[in-house]
Each structure stands twice: as C-alpha cells, then as structure tokens.
Protein backbone atom coordinates (compact mmCIF):
# COMPACT_ATOMS: atom_id res chain seq x y z
CA MET A 1 -24.42 -54.12 37.66
CA GLN A 2 -24.20 -56.08 40.89
CA ARG A 3 -20.85 -56.60 42.61
CA PRO A 4 -18.75 -59.28 40.80
CA PRO A 5 -18.64 -62.75 42.39
CA ALA A 6 -16.40 -63.04 45.44
CA GLY A 7 -15.33 -65.85 47.74
CA VAL A 8 -16.46 -69.32 46.72
CA ALA A 9 -18.52 -67.76 43.91
CA ARG A 10 -15.22 -66.96 42.15
CA THR A 11 -15.05 -70.63 41.19
CA ALA A 12 -18.01 -69.94 38.87
CA VAL A 13 -15.88 -67.40 37.01
CA LEU A 14 -13.07 -69.95 36.77
CA ILE A 15 -15.35 -72.47 35.03
CA ALA A 16 -16.82 -69.82 32.72
CA ALA A 17 -13.27 -68.82 31.72
CA ALA A 18 -12.47 -72.41 30.77
CA ARG A 19 -15.62 -72.53 28.64
CA ALA A 20 -14.64 -69.24 27.02
CA ASP A 21 -11.16 -70.59 26.21
CA GLU A 22 -12.73 -73.55 24.42
CA GLN A 23 -14.48 -71.24 21.97
CA SER A 24 -11.18 -70.45 20.23
CA ARG A 25 -10.80 -74.07 19.09
CA LEU A 26 -11.79 -75.04 15.58
CA ARG A 27 -13.17 -78.37 16.82
CA ARG A 28 -14.60 -77.21 20.11
CA LEU A 29 -16.61 -79.61 22.24
CA PHE A 30 -19.48 -77.15 22.77
CA ASP A 31 -20.62 -73.66 21.83
CA ASP A 32 -20.90 -71.07 24.58
CA PRO A 33 -21.15 -67.55 23.12
CA LEU A 34 -22.01 -66.09 26.54
CA ALA A 35 -19.03 -67.37 28.52
CA ALA A 36 -16.54 -64.65 27.56
CA GLY A 37 -19.07 -61.89 28.30
CA LEU A 38 -19.81 -63.30 31.73
CA VAL A 39 -16.10 -63.48 32.56
CA GLU A 40 -15.60 -59.92 31.36
CA ALA A 41 -18.50 -58.74 33.51
CA ALA A 42 -16.84 -60.45 36.49
CA GLY A 43 -13.58 -58.62 35.86
CA SER A 44 -11.64 -61.59 34.39
CA ALA A 45 -10.40 -64.74 36.07
CA SER A 46 -6.68 -63.96 35.91
CA ASP A 47 -6.38 -64.41 39.66
CA LEU A 48 -7.22 -68.09 39.10
CA ASN A 49 -4.93 -68.76 36.13
CA GLY A 50 -2.94 -71.31 38.11
CA VAL A 51 -6.02 -73.44 38.72
CA ARG A 52 -7.20 -72.98 35.13
CA ASN A 53 -3.86 -74.08 33.71
CA LEU A 54 -3.95 -77.20 35.87
CA ALA A 55 -7.57 -78.24 35.37
CA GLY A 56 -8.95 -76.26 32.43
CA GLU A 57 -9.02 -79.26 30.10
CA HIS A 58 -10.83 -81.29 32.73
CA PHE A 59 -13.45 -78.54 33.03
CA VAL A 60 -13.99 -78.67 29.25
CA LEU A 61 -14.41 -82.45 29.14
CA ARG A 62 -16.66 -82.27 32.20
CA THR A 63 -18.84 -79.65 30.53
CA ARG A 64 -19.36 -81.78 27.43
CA TYR A 65 -20.04 -84.89 29.53
CA PHE A 66 -22.78 -83.17 31.51
CA ASP A 67 -24.22 -81.52 28.37
CA ASP A 68 -24.62 -84.97 26.82
CA GLN A 69 -26.08 -86.47 29.97
CA LEU A 70 -28.71 -83.75 30.32
CA LEU A 71 -29.78 -83.80 26.69
CA SER A 72 -29.98 -87.58 26.57
CA SER A 73 -32.17 -87.54 29.69
CA ALA A 74 -34.92 -85.42 28.05
CA ARG A 75 -36.84 -84.95 31.30
CA PRO A 76 -39.55 -82.25 31.56
CA GLN A 77 -37.77 -80.63 34.53
CA VAL A 78 -34.06 -79.87 34.83
CA VAL A 79 -32.50 -78.68 38.09
CA ILE A 80 -28.96 -77.28 38.12
CA MET A 81 -27.67 -77.09 41.67
CA ALA A 82 -25.00 -74.45 42.45
CA ALA A 83 -25.52 -73.19 38.90
CA GLY A 84 -22.93 -70.43 39.10
CA LEU A 85 -22.43 -68.89 35.65
CA ASP A 86 -23.85 -71.94 33.88
CA THR A 87 -25.37 -71.09 30.47
CA ARG A 88 -27.02 -74.39 29.52
CA ALA A 89 -30.47 -72.76 29.58
CA PHE A 90 -29.26 -70.56 26.71
CA ARG A 91 -26.83 -72.64 24.66
CA LEU A 92 -28.41 -76.13 24.58
CA GLN A 93 -31.38 -77.06 22.41
CA TRP A 94 -33.91 -78.34 24.92
CA PRO A 95 -37.01 -80.35 23.98
CA PRO A 96 -40.22 -78.27 23.85
CA GLY A 97 -41.83 -77.92 27.25
CA THR A 98 -38.61 -78.19 29.27
CA THR A 99 -38.46 -76.14 32.46
CA LEU A 100 -34.97 -75.50 33.86
CA PHE A 101 -34.35 -74.34 37.44
CA GLU A 102 -31.05 -72.76 38.49
CA LEU A 103 -30.20 -72.68 42.21
CA ASP A 104 -27.42 -70.62 43.74
CA LEU A 105 -26.61 -67.89 46.23
CA PRO A 106 -28.76 -64.75 45.89
CA GLU A 107 -25.85 -62.39 45.29
CA LEU A 108 -24.41 -64.57 42.52
CA ILE A 109 -27.79 -64.91 40.82
CA GLU A 110 -28.28 -61.12 40.94
CA PHE A 111 -24.89 -60.57 39.29
CA LYS A 112 -25.58 -63.20 36.64
CA GLU A 113 -29.04 -61.87 35.78
CA ASP A 114 -27.65 -58.36 35.27
CA ALA A 115 -24.83 -59.69 33.09
CA LEU A 116 -27.17 -61.84 30.99
CA HIS A 117 -29.46 -58.86 30.50
CA ASP A 118 -26.54 -56.78 29.22
CA LEU A 119 -25.59 -59.63 26.86
CA HIS A 120 -29.18 -59.79 25.51
CA ALA A 121 -29.28 -63.51 26.31
CA GLN A 122 -32.45 -65.43 25.47
CA PRO A 123 -33.08 -68.90 26.97
CA THR A 124 -34.03 -71.87 24.79
CA CYS A 125 -36.37 -73.25 27.47
CA GLU A 126 -38.49 -71.98 30.33
CA ARG A 127 -35.91 -70.82 32.88
CA THR A 128 -36.49 -70.11 36.57
CA VAL A 129 -33.82 -68.90 38.98
CA VAL A 130 -34.07 -69.89 42.64
CA PRO A 131 -31.95 -67.76 45.00
CA CYS A 132 -31.03 -69.90 48.00
CA ASP A 133 -28.22 -71.33 50.09
CA LEU A 134 -27.88 -75.07 49.49
CA ARG A 135 -26.94 -75.47 53.15
CA ASP A 136 -30.44 -74.25 54.08
CA ASP A 137 -33.98 -75.25 53.03
CA TRP A 138 -33.46 -75.04 49.28
CA ALA A 139 -36.08 -77.76 48.63
CA THR A 140 -38.92 -75.55 49.84
CA ALA A 141 -37.63 -72.64 47.74
CA LEU A 142 -37.49 -74.91 44.68
CA ILE A 143 -41.07 -76.12 45.14
CA HIS A 144 -42.31 -72.56 45.68
CA ALA A 145 -40.63 -71.66 42.37
CA GLY A 146 -42.83 -74.17 40.54
CA PHE A 147 -40.92 -77.44 40.76
CA ASP A 148 -43.21 -80.51 40.74
CA PRO A 149 -41.82 -83.55 42.65
CA LYS A 150 -44.28 -85.81 40.82
CA ARG A 151 -42.66 -85.16 37.42
CA PRO A 152 -39.40 -86.85 36.32
CA THR A 153 -36.42 -84.56 36.75
CA ALA A 154 -32.87 -84.37 35.41
CA TRP A 155 -30.58 -83.16 38.20
CA LEU A 156 -27.09 -81.73 37.72
CA LEU A 157 -24.65 -81.38 40.63
CA GLU A 158 -21.43 -80.19 39.02
CA GLY A 159 -18.43 -79.06 41.03
CA LEU A 160 -20.39 -79.02 44.29
CA PHE A 161 -19.90 -81.93 46.67
CA MET A 162 -16.19 -81.54 47.34
CA PHE A 163 -16.79 -78.02 48.69
CA LEU A 164 -19.37 -79.20 51.24
CA PRO A 165 -18.90 -80.84 54.63
CA PRO A 166 -19.91 -84.53 54.39
CA ASP A 167 -23.13 -84.05 56.34
CA ALA A 168 -24.22 -81.17 54.08
CA GLY A 169 -23.58 -83.30 50.99
CA GLU A 170 -25.59 -86.15 52.44
CA GLN A 171 -28.43 -83.76 53.23
CA ILE A 172 -28.49 -82.58 49.61
CA MET A 173 -28.55 -86.16 48.36
CA TYR A 174 -31.38 -86.97 50.75
CA TRP A 175 -33.56 -84.15 49.42
CA VAL A 176 -32.63 -84.65 45.77
CA SER A 177 -33.68 -88.28 46.14
CA ALA A 178 -36.85 -87.44 48.08
CA LEU A 179 -37.92 -84.98 45.39
CA SER A 180 -37.22 -87.36 42.50
CA ALA A 181 -40.07 -89.20 40.82
CA GLY A 182 -39.37 -92.59 39.26
CA GLY A 183 -37.34 -92.28 36.07
CA SER A 184 -35.53 -89.14 37.23
CA THR A 185 -31.83 -88.86 36.34
CA LEU A 186 -28.83 -87.48 38.14
CA ALA A 187 -25.39 -86.39 36.94
CA LEU A 188 -22.68 -85.37 39.38
CA GLU A 189 -19.01 -84.86 40.04
CA HIS A 190 -17.07 -85.88 43.13
CA VAL A 191 -13.51 -86.88 44.05
CA ASN A 192 -11.86 -89.60 46.09
CA ARG A 193 -9.55 -89.04 49.04
CA GLU A 194 -6.43 -89.75 46.99
CA PHE A 195 -7.31 -86.94 44.59
CA ARG A 196 -7.86 -84.51 47.45
CA GLU A 197 -4.41 -85.40 48.76
CA LEU A 198 -2.51 -85.17 45.45
CA PRO A 199 0.67 -83.08 45.74
CA GLN A 200 -0.34 -81.41 42.46
CA MET A 201 -3.47 -80.09 44.17
CA ARG A 202 -1.76 -78.38 47.09
CA ALA A 203 -1.50 -75.01 45.36
CA VAL A 204 -5.16 -75.28 44.33
CA HIS A 205 -6.25 -75.99 47.89
CA GLU A 206 -4.19 -73.06 49.15
CA ARG A 207 -5.75 -70.72 46.57
CA PHE A 208 -9.26 -71.98 47.25
CA GLY A 209 -8.66 -71.65 50.98
CA THR A 210 -8.23 -67.88 50.55
CA MET A 211 -11.67 -67.83 48.87
CA ASP A 212 -13.50 -69.73 51.60
CA ALA A 213 -13.76 -72.58 49.09
CA ARG A 214 -11.88 -75.33 50.91
CA TRP A 215 -12.54 -78.91 49.77
CA GLN A 216 -14.15 -80.79 52.63
CA SER A 217 -15.40 -84.17 51.39
CA ASP A 218 -14.76 -87.13 49.12
CA VAL A 219 -16.30 -90.49 48.23
CA GLU A 220 -14.52 -93.76 47.48
CA ASP A 221 -17.28 -95.58 45.56
CA PRO A 222 -19.86 -93.27 43.93
CA VAL A 223 -21.86 -96.20 42.56
CA GLU A 224 -22.34 -97.70 46.01
CA TRP A 225 -22.95 -94.26 47.51
CA LEU A 226 -25.72 -93.44 45.05
CA ASP A 227 -27.22 -96.90 45.33
CA GLY A 228 -27.83 -96.17 49.00
CA TYR A 229 -30.15 -93.34 47.93
CA GLY A 230 -32.02 -95.40 45.34
CA TRP A 231 -30.02 -94.52 42.21
CA HIS A 232 -28.51 -96.91 39.67
CA ALA A 233 -25.24 -95.23 38.67
CA THR A 234 -22.42 -95.61 36.17
CA VAL A 235 -19.07 -93.82 36.19
CA THR A 236 -17.30 -92.54 33.09
CA HIS A 237 -13.52 -92.24 33.30
CA GLN A 238 -11.98 -89.13 31.78
CA VAL A 239 -9.52 -91.32 29.85
CA ASP A 240 -12.46 -92.77 27.94
CA LEU A 241 -14.08 -89.36 27.64
CA ALA A 242 -10.91 -87.84 26.18
CA ALA A 243 -10.60 -90.70 23.68
CA ARG A 244 -14.24 -90.30 22.65
CA HIS A 245 -13.63 -86.65 21.79
CA ASP A 246 -10.10 -87.06 20.39
CA ARG A 247 -8.52 -85.01 23.15
CA ALA A 248 -5.40 -85.55 25.20
CA VAL A 249 -6.00 -86.88 28.71
CA PRO A 250 -5.62 -83.94 31.11
CA ALA A 251 -2.54 -84.49 33.26
CA ILE A 252 -4.43 -83.88 36.50
CA ILE A 253 -6.63 -86.95 35.90
CA ASP A 254 -4.21 -89.15 33.92
CA PRO A 255 -3.73 -92.44 35.85
CA ARG A 256 -0.16 -92.64 34.58
CA LYS A 257 0.57 -89.45 36.52
CA VAL A 258 -1.90 -89.50 39.43
CA GLY A 259 -2.25 -93.23 40.12
CA ASP A 260 -5.54 -94.10 41.82
CA ALA A 261 -6.61 -90.47 42.34
CA ARG A 262 -9.98 -89.92 40.71
CA ILE A 263 -12.42 -87.18 39.81
CA TRP A 264 -15.66 -89.11 39.51
CA LEU A 265 -18.11 -88.26 36.71
CA ALA A 266 -21.26 -90.24 37.40
CA SER A 267 -24.72 -90.50 35.88
CA ALA A 268 -27.63 -92.29 37.48
CA VAL A 269 -31.30 -93.22 37.10
CA ARG A 270 -33.80 -93.27 39.97
CA THR A 271 -34.65 -96.86 40.83
CA ALA A 272 -37.02 -96.38 43.76
C-alpha cells in the first residue's frame, strides 16, 4: 500500500469521510460502498473532524448535485479534475460507451489504485487515470491518455478552484474550454470573497494552512466568469438543493447565518 494522502491530498480523505457518513442514513442521497474503505485505508479523517462537522452536510449536498449533473449530461467522455478519492466511476450507472478520466497528483492516484484493488472495486464504465499536476501541462497528459477533444465532454471541477492562485484557475479554465467540443458540459464549485472571509471559516483556513491547502481565489459572478470562456451557466443555491432533497440547510451556507457569503454550485453548456 502506498503512503496515505498527505498535505492538500488530505482534503480528499475529508470528502470521502463525509460520503461514508451519509451511508448510515436510511434516506441517503447517494450510495457509496467504497467510501468507508478508502477512509480506512487512509488512516481515518479524525484530524479533520472540525472541518467535517462544519461543512459535512454541504459536501453531501454537493456530491448529489454533481452526481445529477454528470448523469443528466450523458456525454461520451467524462473528465474529473482533481479527482481525489472520487468513486463515481464505480458507484454511478453510466451509459454504455462512457469513458471517464480521473486527473490528480501521481502519489494520490497510486494510493487510491492500491486501495481500490484491495476493495475489489469494479468500474461501471471505461476508467482511465491520468497522473499529473494541474498546475503543469495536464492537457497533454489527458490527450495522451486517450481523450478526444472533438467529442463532447462532461467536465467536473469539484472543490478545486478556491485552492488555486487566480492565474492557475484561469489557466485551467482556458484549457478546459479549448478542449471542449460544442455541446460539452461543465459543473464546478467556487466561492465568493465574502465566504472566504467568514469568521466561521477562520478555523478551517488555519487547519488547511497547515496542510499546504490555503484558499487563494474567489469569484463574484460565476455566470459572467464562465460566459467569458464560452459557457452558458446557471447557479443552484444550496437552499433550493436542500429543499429538493428534504434536508436542512447547512449552517455554513444558510443566508440567514452567513448573509451574502456563497459557495457557488454551477453547471454550464459550451456555447462556442
């Protein structure tokens, strides 16, 4: 077994732990039989319990939102950027012929592949892992792995942009857009400045800072931002998402408690 995730990769364990917690619910929002095993292989996520207690319910709603967006897109290629310990290639029922690419740091992918092997996991689609650093030339690595820029693609960028410097995030958006054929879709998460500066988030920022996972960027209008890259976007508020699934609004994104602070959940279609 490879060394458990460290540094910023520990955030992948945090999200997997939230997915594992959801499995104990009678009316869970998704099934993820691999999540608990991945967390166990990583040596638990108890060091991040403070973050999980604050944002765990958001992570669960976010997971279901992106599940729905990807399955409704039904594109022949799916690309999950900064995939971490994502298990969508195994737990979602993909249309026949779907190819799913997972991009992340080489050491995290090595750990995950070993853990999935030990869990006897079998994907429900054609799955290709692409070890790379998203701050480098990941586009070339993706194409070498079999990605076809001429085919429509469903992109997922979950829990990524806030950890990147603004110029690195813009570079990713440039290449995602350049590699997207007409009809491609995009689903992403970002935050606005007011959310980054919430007093409730100070302890999170301090904890993430010790993991080299400092938040470095935000966006005030994701619809306008994505339009500049040729995407027609819509934003779903977590209040509406919680109501749709008969869940309480997580305190960390409840406007009655955080005002105009926002975690943006956006989906978009390629328009150019």
